[in-house]
Amino acid sequence: MHAFGSYFAIVADVAVDKAGAVKVSRIVCAVDCGMVVNPNTVEAQVQGGIIFGITAVLYSEITIKDGRVEQSNFTDYRILRIHETPPVEVHIVKSSEAPGGIGEPGTAALAPAITNAIYAATGKRLRQLPVGNQLQSA
């Protein structure tokens, strides 16, 4: 994927149990964001974007009741818990190009990686997010 002046490739390793619950076991990411000043910052930004992306893919449903959004804060908006967070490997490609964005692309590239991994594991192509309970009938 190319976004914000950076190139990303993400591979997701997922497991789907018999009840249809999805567990993301591992994420591997390669990023070419141009010249890197601080690789630790790049790694942290990519990891944070990926964790936010896993949350969006698996849980982030916004519901509306009587014309109002029901989720008001993290008390009623499901996010990825620390014990659910998989290992995230970030491989930075050395480059002398101009620096690109690093926070956003990891989030955007994650949904296709996870849904393609789910397809490889189950044979069911998901076309709506969040995944939620779509696999319970599989």
Protein backbone atom coordinates (compact mmCIF):
# COMPACT_ATOMS: atom_id res chain seq x y z
CA MET A 1 0.00 0.00 0.00
CA HIS A 2 1.19 3.54 -0.70
CA ALA A 3 -0.16 6.34 1.50
CA PHE A 4 1.12 9.58 3.00
CA GLY A 5 4.41 9.17 1.11
CA SER A 6 5.18 5.76 2.64
CA TYR A 7 4.95 2.18 1.40
CA PHE A 8 3.56 -0.56 3.64
CA ALA A 9 3.19 -4.31 3.41
CA ILE A 10 1.43 -6.16 6.22
CA VAL A 11 0.90 -9.88 6.79
CA ALA A 12 -1.52 -11.05 9.47
CA ASP A 13 -1.52 -14.46 11.11
CA VAL A 14 -5.01 -15.25 12.42
CA ALA A 15 -6.83 -18.16 13.99
CA VAL A 16 -10.57 -18.70 13.76
CA ASP A 17 -12.11 -21.08 16.28
CA LYS A 18 -15.16 -23.30 15.68
CA ALA A 19 -17.47 -20.65 17.14
CA GLY A 20 -16.17 -18.08 14.62
CA ALA A 21 -14.09 -16.00 17.05
CA VAL A 22 -11.05 -14.42 15.41
CA LYS A 23 -7.72 -14.12 17.19
CA VAL A 24 -4.88 -12.20 15.58
CA SER A 25 -1.76 -14.18 16.50
CA ARG A 26 0.98 -12.15 14.83
CA ILE A 27 1.53 -9.18 12.53
CA VAL A 28 4.58 -8.62 10.33
CA CYS A 29 5.02 -5.27 8.64
CA ALA A 30 7.59 -3.85 6.23
CA VAL A 31 7.65 -0.10 5.81
CA ASP A 32 9.52 2.26 3.51
CA CYS A 33 8.83 5.73 4.88
CA GLY A 34 11.88 7.41 3.38
CA MET A 35 14.75 8.67 5.50
CA VAL A 36 14.28 7.63 9.13
CA VAL A 37 15.52 9.96 11.84
CA ASN A 38 14.49 7.82 14.83
CA PRO A 39 13.70 4.16 14.11
CA ASN A 40 12.18 3.67 17.58
CA THR A 41 9.59 6.34 16.83
CA VAL A 42 8.77 4.72 13.48
CA GLU A 43 8.35 1.33 15.14
CA ALA A 44 6.15 2.77 17.91
CA GLN A 45 3.94 4.68 15.45
CA VAL A 46 3.50 1.61 13.25
CA GLN A 47 2.72 -0.64 16.22
CA GLY A 48 0.17 1.86 17.55
CA GLY A 49 -1.50 2.18 14.15
CA ILE A 50 -1.66 -1.60 13.80
CA ILE A 51 -3.19 -2.06 17.27
CA PHE A 52 -5.76 0.63 16.47
CA GLY A 53 -6.41 -1.15 13.16
CA ILE A 54 -6.98 -4.52 14.85
CA THR A 55 -9.51 -2.81 17.11
CA ALA A 56 -11.30 -1.35 14.09
CA VAL A 57 -11.38 -4.64 12.19
CA LEU A 58 -12.58 -6.80 15.07
CA TYR A 59 -14.69 -4.59 17.33
CA SER A 60 -15.27 -0.98 16.31
CA GLU A 61 -18.94 -0.87 15.58
CA ILE A 62 -20.70 2.45 16.10
CA THR A 63 -24.41 2.00 16.73
CA ILE A 64 -27.15 4.59 16.63
CA LYS A 65 -30.32 4.55 18.71
CA ASP A 66 -33.01 7.22 18.57
CA GLY A 67 -30.77 9.37 16.38
CA ARG A 68 -27.79 9.31 18.77
CA VAL A 69 -24.54 7.42 18.83
CA GLU A 70 -24.68 4.91 21.68
CA GLN A 71 -20.93 4.74 22.34
CA SER A 72 -19.81 7.72 24.40
CA ASN A 73 -16.34 6.69 25.60
CA PHE A 74 -14.05 3.69 26.04
CA THR A 75 -16.40 2.29 28.70
CA ASP A 76 -18.84 1.25 25.97
CA TYR A 77 -16.61 1.19 22.89
CA ARG A 78 -14.77 -2.13 22.63
CA ILE A 79 -11.00 -1.79 22.13
CA LEU A 80 -8.21 -4.33 21.90
CA ARG A 81 -7.02 -5.35 25.37
CA ILE A 82 -3.34 -5.69 26.22
CA HIS A 83 -3.61 -9.48 26.64
CA GLU A 84 -5.17 -9.70 23.15
CA THR A 85 -2.40 -7.70 21.47
CA PRO A 86 -0.30 -9.92 19.22
CA PRO A 87 3.43 -9.59 18.62
CA VAL A 88 4.00 -6.93 15.94
CA GLU A 89 7.23 -7.11 13.92
CA VAL A 90 8.19 -3.91 12.12
CA HIS A 91 10.88 -4.06 9.43
CA ILE A 92 12.08 -0.65 8.26
CA VAL A 93 13.48 -0.41 4.73
CA LYS A 94 16.56 1.82 4.55
CA SER A 95 15.99 4.73 2.23
CA SER A 96 17.38 8.16 1.43
CA GLU A 97 14.07 9.45 0.03
CA ALA A 98 12.18 12.30 1.69
CA PRO A 99 10.39 11.26 4.91
CA GLY A 100 6.79 10.13 4.55
CA GLY A 101 3.90 9.68 6.96
CA ILE A 102 4.12 6.88 9.44
CA GLY A 103 1.15 6.95 11.83
CA GLU A 104 -1.81 6.42 9.51
CA PRO A 105 -0.76 3.85 6.87
CA GLY A 106 -0.39 0.97 9.35
CA THR A 107 -4.03 1.30 10.31
CA ALA A 108 -5.30 1.46 6.74
CA ALA A 109 -3.26 -1.49 5.51
CA LEU A 110 -4.34 -3.78 8.32
CA ALA A 111 -7.98 -4.47 7.40
CA PRO A 112 -7.15 -6.15 4.08
CA ALA A 113 -4.37 -8.16 5.72
CA ILE A 114 -6.68 -9.52 8.43
CA THR A 115 -9.68 -10.15 6.17
CA ASN A 116 -7.47 -11.93 3.62
CA ALA A 117 -6.02 -14.08 6.42
CA ILE A 118 -9.57 -14.90 7.57
CA TYR A 119 -10.44 -15.88 4.00
CA ALA A 120 -7.35 -18.12 3.81
CA ALA A 121 -8.34 -19.79 7.10
CA THR A 122 -12.08 -20.17 6.50
CA GLY A 123 -12.82 -19.72 2.80
CA LYS A 124 -15.33 -16.99 3.73
CA ARG A 125 -14.81 -13.56 2.20
CA LEU A 126 -15.87 -10.77 4.56
CA ARG A 127 -16.97 -7.52 2.98
CA GLN A 128 -18.15 -5.62 6.04
CA LEU A 129 -16.31 -4.41 9.13
CA PRO A 130 -16.09 -4.92 12.00
CA VAL A 131 -15.80 -8.70 11.76
CA GLY A 132 -17.98 -9.12 14.87
CA ASN A 133 -20.01 -12.32 14.70
CA GLN A 134 -20.06 -12.70 10.88
CA LEU A 135 -18.18 -15.99 11.09
CA GLN A 136 -20.54 -17.65 13.54
CA SER A 137 -22.58 -19.05 10.66
CA ALA A 138 -19.46 -20.29 8.82
